[in-house]
Structures are given as structure tokens and as C-alpha cells.
Amino acid sequence: MGTVDFGGDGVPILLLHGLMGRARTWWPVSRWLTSYGRVVGLDARGHGRSPHRGGGWRTEDFVADAAAELERLGGPAIVVGHSMGGLHAWCLAASRPDLVRAIVVEDIAPDQRGKTVDPWRAYFESWPVPFASLAHVNEFFGSLGDYFVECVEERSDGYHLIADLEDLYGIAAEWGERDYWPFVERVRCPVLAIEAEHSAMPPGQMAQLPVRAPGGGHHLVVRGAGHVVHHDAPLTYRGAVEAFLSEVLNR
């Protein structure tokens, strides 16, 4: 299981990345989060340096991995998740309330039934892989170039995404088939739901996360931000998370 210990002391803070990402994409956030506790990032199965490849893509499998990491760290923890990681965060809080003190969910909705991975296939297959250099990766992805530079590795012919695309399709396919509201309705810890203004998520759902979760919490729409809010609007993201952590840790 690939983990990155970003440092810090005190309450465990577990970072869960989104699809295509890896734990090290959280480095800019970890720099200030270490003031609040011990910050650890987890490479999800199929991603980064996780040894797990080729199957086992049910949400419950990812949740079990995160729970095992929190047992090692000695929770209860603050769990911070982006996109796929946000989904796993609330499912973890619902399944193992003993391990989770509060969650931050960034730009992911509980009910995306009917969506398919077909549009993603077309997009991924348009990539000029292999990329000739890290500068090529940076240029191709534009404003998110520095994020995706963390998600590629050098091979003999150039740079490739560390994750396997077929694995990613298998992971994401489940999200178009399941309703995750029953998990949300079992979350008894506080929730901070951070939604991008330019989100591709079904409208209105993220605002309901802290309403339908028994633990309550807050919802914020970040103006001008796209899907990776902590990258697009880092100061707004930081302010919201720090205010939430201050509230949670001072209870």
C-alpha cells in the first residue's frame, strides 16, 4: 500500500486523492495541514505506488484500505478527500465511525447513476501519450499542468500516467450504477462539503451532504473554481478547511 507521510504531530489527518491522482498531489495542501496534525496521504489501489492493480474496484475495497491505514495511524482521524477520495471519505465515515472524527469532501456527488465512462474514454484517448517531457505534460494540461506532472512516470519512450486507463474505467464505472446516499445518511461526524462553481456534478446534491448526514456540517461553493478546487482556489480552500478544523478540534 503506497503511503506518503507529510509530517506533523497529533491527530491523524488522512488525505484521499481523486481518480488519476496520487497521494503526492496533496503536497501543497499538506504544507499547512501539518499545523493541525499528522498528515498522511494514501495511494488508492490502481494509483500511484499502490501495489494493487487489475481488479478489486468496489468502493468497499477502497474503504477497507483506508480503514486499515487509519488503524495503523491510531485514529480517529480527520479524512480529507477530493472527488473519488471524497466519496471514499464519507463511505469510510459511515462504515467505520470509530475511525473518523470529521470529513472534508471536495466536488463529488452521491448519485451519478446513468453516467458512463464513454466521454472519459474519448478524452483519455486524445492524450499525446507518451509525453515527450514533463514540460510537455505541463503544457498539455494547462492550468492543471503542475497537478498532472505528479501523476506521470518516465519510461523508456517518455512519460505515461502511472495508473492504467482500463483500471480507471473499471473504478469509475461503478459510480454510474450506485446510489451513495444511504452511506451519507449514516455519517455521524461533521462534514465540510466544498463544491466547485464549475463542477460537473449533478446540481444541488453537494449542498445536501451536511443536511442529510446526521453529523451536520457546512457546504461551500467556491466561485471560479473547477473540479480540483484545492488547486484552482487554494486560499479559499485553505480558509474553509482551517475554519472547519478549528471548529472540530476545539469541540
Protein backbone atom coordinates (compact mmCIF):
# COMPACT_ATOMS: atom_id res chain seq x y z
CA MET A 1 0.00 0.00 0.00
CA GLY A 2 1.59 3.30 -1.06
CA THR A 3 1.54 5.99 1.62
CA VAL A 4 3.25 9.35 1.98
CA ASP A 5 3.93 10.73 5.45
CA PHE A 6 3.92 14.52 5.07
CA GLY A 7 4.81 15.09 8.73
CA GLY A 8 3.18 16.88 11.62
CA ASP A 9 2.12 15.65 15.05
CA GLY A 10 -1.12 14.98 16.83
CA VAL A 11 -4.48 13.99 15.40
CA PRO A 12 -4.16 11.86 12.24
CA ILE A 13 -5.22 13.58 9.01
CA LEU A 14 -5.69 11.20 6.08
CA LEU A 15 -5.66 12.58 2.51
CA LEU A 16 -7.50 10.67 -0.22
CA HIS A 17 -6.88 11.74 -3.82
CA GLY A 18 -9.15 11.68 -6.86
CA LEU A 19 -9.26 9.41 -9.90
CA MET A 20 -5.99 9.60 -11.92
CA GLY A 21 -4.23 11.25 -8.95
CA ARG A 22 -1.89 10.03 -6.24
CA ALA A 23 -1.04 10.96 -2.68
CA ARG A 24 1.79 13.32 -3.66
CA THR A 25 -0.62 15.67 -5.44
CA TRP A 26 -1.60 16.80 -1.92
CA TRP A 27 1.83 18.26 -1.14
CA PRO A 28 0.77 21.97 -1.41
CA VAL A 29 -2.14 21.34 0.98
CA SER A 30 -0.04 19.26 3.35
CA ARG A 31 2.33 22.18 3.95
CA TRP A 32 -0.26 24.00 6.05
CA LEU A 33 -2.27 20.98 7.22
CA THR A 34 0.70 19.76 9.27
CA SER A 35 -0.07 22.59 11.71
CA TYR A 36 -3.20 20.65 12.69
CA GLY A 37 -1.96 17.08 12.98
CA ARG A 38 0.00 14.23 11.44
CA VAL A 39 -0.73 14.28 7.72
CA VAL A 40 -0.58 11.08 5.66
CA GLY A 41 -1.59 10.60 2.03
CA LEU A 42 -2.76 7.24 0.71
CA ASP A 43 -2.25 6.00 -2.85
CA ALA A 44 -5.56 4.35 -3.72
CA ARG A 45 -5.49 0.91 -5.28
CA GLY A 46 -4.80 1.23 -9.01
CA HIS A 47 -2.95 4.52 -8.46
CA GLY A 48 0.49 5.84 -7.63
CA ARG A 49 2.72 3.35 -5.85
CA SER A 50 -0.08 1.15 -4.58
CA PRO A 51 0.86 -2.45 -5.39
CA HIS A 52 -2.79 -3.28 -6.05
CA ARG A 53 -3.59 -3.47 -9.77
CA GLY A 54 -6.01 -5.27 -12.05
CA GLY A 55 -9.26 -5.52 -10.09
CA GLY A 56 -11.00 -5.17 -6.75
CA TRP A 57 -12.61 -1.85 -7.62
CA ARG A 58 -15.69 -1.83 -5.38
CA THR A 59 -16.00 1.24 -3.20
CA GLU A 60 -15.94 -1.05 -0.20
CA ASP A 61 -12.46 -2.27 -1.23
CA PHE A 62 -11.07 1.28 -1.20
CA VAL A 63 -12.77 1.97 2.13
CA ALA A 64 -11.20 -1.15 3.65
CA ASP A 65 -7.76 0.07 2.54
CA ALA A 66 -8.32 3.47 4.13
CA ALA A 67 -9.64 1.88 7.32
CA ALA A 68 -6.52 -0.30 7.54
CA GLU A 69 -4.34 2.81 7.25
CA LEU A 70 -6.29 4.58 9.99
CA GLU A 71 -5.98 1.56 12.24
CA ARG A 72 -2.23 1.77 11.70
CA LEU A 73 -2.22 5.50 12.47
CA GLY A 74 -4.42 5.08 15.51
CA GLY A 75 -7.44 7.25 14.58
CA PRO A 76 -9.99 8.71 14.96
CA ALA A 77 -8.84 10.93 12.12
CA ILE A 78 -9.80 13.87 10.00
CA VAL A 79 -10.30 12.49 6.48
CA VAL A 80 -9.89 14.88 3.55
CA GLY A 81 -10.95 13.62 0.12
CA HIS A 82 -11.02 15.05 -3.37
CA SER A 83 -13.53 13.65 -5.88
CA MET A 84 -13.17 9.85 -5.67
CA GLY A 85 -11.42 10.39 -2.34
CA GLY A 86 -14.39 12.39 -1.07
CA LEU A 87 -16.73 9.53 -1.91
CA HIS A 88 -14.43 7.14 -0.06
CA ALA A 89 -14.25 9.57 2.88
CA TRP A 90 -17.99 9.57 3.58
CA CYS A 91 -18.29 5.83 2.94
CA LEU A 92 -15.47 5.29 5.43
CA ALA A 93 -17.14 7.56 7.99
CA ALA A 94 -20.40 5.65 7.52
CA SER A 95 -18.79 2.22 7.75
CA ARG A 96 -16.21 2.87 10.48
CA PRO A 97 -17.41 5.77 12.62
CA ASP A 98 -14.88 4.77 15.28
CA LEU A 99 -12.05 5.77 12.95
CA VAL A 100 -13.32 9.13 11.65
CA ARG A 101 -13.65 12.41 13.55
CA ALA A 102 -14.67 14.67 10.63
CA ILE A 103 -14.54 14.68 6.83
CA VAL A 104 -13.84 17.18 4.08
CA VAL A 105 -15.49 16.28 0.76
CA GLU A 106 -14.36 18.10 -2.38
CA ASP A 107 -16.52 18.13 -5.52
CA ILE A 108 -18.23 14.74 -5.67
CA ALA A 109 -21.95 13.90 -5.59
CA PRO A 110 -23.65 10.81 -4.12
CA ASP A 111 -25.94 9.93 -7.03
CA GLN A 112 -24.45 9.89 -10.52
CA ARG A 113 -26.48 6.98 -11.81
CA GLY A 114 -26.77 6.88 -15.57
CA LYS A 115 -23.36 8.38 -16.22
CA THR A 116 -20.94 6.26 -18.22
CA VAL A 117 -17.18 6.33 -18.73
CA ASP A 118 -17.57 6.73 -22.51
CA PRO A 119 -16.86 10.50 -22.55
CA TRP A 120 -13.77 9.88 -20.44
CA ARG A 121 -12.54 7.24 -22.86
CA ALA A 122 -12.65 9.69 -25.73
CA TYR A 123 -10.82 12.31 -23.68
CA PHE A 124 -8.12 9.99 -22.36
CA GLU A 125 -7.51 8.52 -25.79
CA SER A 126 -6.89 12.03 -27.16
CA TRP A 127 -3.81 12.42 -24.97
CA PRO A 128 -0.48 12.55 -26.87
CA VAL A 129 0.95 9.58 -24.94
CA PRO A 130 3.78 9.11 -24.37
CA PHE A 131 4.51 12.69 -23.38
CA ALA A 132 7.95 13.76 -24.56
CA SER A 133 8.88 15.53 -21.31
CA LEU A 134 7.46 16.89 -18.08
CA ALA A 135 7.27 20.26 -19.83
CA HIS A 136 5.04 18.58 -22.44
CA VAL A 137 2.74 17.29 -19.66
CA ASN A 138 2.62 20.74 -18.13
CA GLU A 139 1.81 22.40 -21.44
CA PHE A 140 -0.86 19.87 -22.45
CA PHE A 141 -2.84 20.16 -19.20
CA GLY A 142 -2.58 23.93 -18.99
CA SER A 143 -3.68 25.32 -15.63
CA LEU A 144 -3.62 21.81 -14.11
CA GLY A 145 -0.21 21.00 -15.57
CA ASP A 146 1.62 21.07 -12.26
CA TYR A 147 -1.01 18.71 -10.81
CA PHE A 148 -0.66 16.15 -13.61
CA VAL A 149 3.13 16.31 -13.57
CA GLU A 150 2.82 14.48 -10.23
CA CYS A 151 0.72 11.73 -11.86
CA VAL A 152 3.11 10.54 -14.58
CA GLU A 153 6.24 8.41 -14.61
CA GLU A 154 9.14 8.18 -17.01
CA ARG A 155 9.52 5.06 -19.13
CA SER A 156 11.92 4.28 -21.96
CA ASP A 157 9.76 6.06 -24.56
CA GLY A 158 8.63 9.07 -22.49
CA TYR A 159 6.11 9.89 -19.77
CA HIS A 160 2.94 7.88 -19.04
CA LEU A 161 0.15 8.17 -16.49
CA ILE A 162 1.10 5.96 -13.54
CA ALA A 163 -2.42 4.49 -13.36
CA ASP A 164 -3.68 2.10 -16.02
CA LEU A 165 -6.59 3.53 -18.02
CA GLU A 166 -8.54 0.26 -18.04
CA ASP A 167 -8.30 0.18 -14.25
CA LEU A 168 -9.61 3.76 -14.09
CA TYR A 169 -12.57 2.89 -16.31
CA GLY A 170 -13.36 -0.06 -14.07
CA ILE A 171 -13.24 2.11 -10.94
CA ALA A 172 -15.41 4.91 -12.34
CA ALA A 173 -18.00 2.62 -13.93
CA GLU A 174 -19.41 1.76 -10.50
CA TRP A 175 -20.25 5.39 -9.77
CA GLY A 176 -22.79 5.45 -12.60
CA GLU A 177 -24.55 2.41 -11.18
CA ARG A 178 -24.87 3.11 -7.45
CA ASP A 179 -26.75 5.48 -5.19
CA TYR A 180 -24.44 6.51 -2.31
CA TRP A 181 -26.99 8.50 -0.32
CA PRO A 182 -27.53 5.61 2.13
CA PHE A 183 -23.87 5.98 3.16
CA VAL A 184 -24.24 9.76 3.59
CA GLU A 185 -27.24 9.20 5.83
CA ARG A 186 -25.07 7.15 8.20
CA VAL A 187 -22.32 9.78 8.61
CA ARG A 188 -22.45 10.96 12.23
CA CYS A 189 -19.35 13.15 12.19
CA PRO A 190 -19.21 16.75 10.87
CA VAL A 191 -18.96 17.22 7.10
CA LEU A 192 -17.43 20.07 5.13
CA ALA A 193 -18.65 19.86 1.52
CA ILE A 194 -16.62 22.02 -0.88
CA GLU A 195 -18.16 22.36 -4.33
CA ALA A 196 -16.62 23.91 -7.44
CA GLU A 197 -18.63 26.59 -9.21
CA HIS A 198 -17.72 24.90 -12.50
CA SER A 199 -18.49 21.41 -11.26
CA ALA A 200 -19.62 18.56 -13.49
CA MET A 201 -21.55 17.05 -10.60
CA PRO A 202 -25.37 16.90 -10.63
CA PRO A 203 -26.57 20.27 -9.26
CA GLY A 204 -27.89 20.58 -5.73
CA GLN A 205 -26.54 17.34 -4.34
CA MET A 206 -23.45 18.61 -2.55
CA ALA A 207 -25.49 21.20 -0.67
CA GLN A 208 -27.48 18.31 0.78
CA LEU A 209 -24.47 16.42 2.13
CA PRO A 210 -24.32 18.19 5.52
CA VAL A 211 -28.13 18.29 5.61
CA ARG A 212 -28.72 14.58 5.10
CA ALA A 213 -25.69 13.49 7.13
CA PRO A 214 -26.72 13.24 10.81
CA GLY A 215 -23.40 14.81 11.85
CA GLY A 216 -24.26 18.07 10.09
CA GLY A 217 -21.66 20.50 8.85
CA HIS A 218 -21.20 23.09 6.14
CA HIS A 219 -21.42 23.49 2.37
CA LEU A 220 -19.44 25.96 0.31
CA VAL A 221 -19.46 26.78 -3.41
CA VAL A 222 -16.08 28.15 -4.49
CA ARG A 223 -16.54 30.78 -7.18
CA GLY A 224 -14.39 30.46 -10.26
CA ALA A 225 -13.04 27.03 -9.33
CA GLY A 226 -13.07 23.90 -11.42
CA HIS A 227 -13.11 20.30 -10.22
CA VAL A 228 -9.76 20.46 -8.38
CA VAL A 229 -10.79 23.24 -6.02
CA HIS A 230 -7.73 22.98 -3.77
CA HIS A 231 -5.59 23.70 -6.84
CA ASP A 232 -7.75 26.34 -8.53
CA ALA A 233 -8.62 28.36 -5.41
CA PRO A 234 -6.01 27.38 -2.81
CA LEU A 235 -6.56 30.31 -0.45
CA THR A 236 -10.35 29.90 -0.35
CA TYR A 237 -9.96 26.16 0.11
CA ARG A 238 -7.44 26.64 2.89
CA GLY A 239 -9.59 29.19 4.69
CA ALA A 240 -12.63 26.93 4.62
CA VAL A 241 -10.73 23.85 5.79
CA GLU A 242 -8.86 25.70 8.54
CA ALA A 243 -12.09 27.21 9.90
CA PHE A 244 -13.71 23.76 9.85
CA LEU A 245 -10.73 22.12 11.58
CA SER A 246 -10.66 24.80 14.25
CA GLU A 247 -14.34 24.14 14.93
CA VAL A 248 -13.92 20.35 15.00
CA LEU A 249 -10.72 20.21 17.04
CA ASN A 250 -12.00 22.65 19.65
CA ARG A 251 -15.17 20.75 20.40
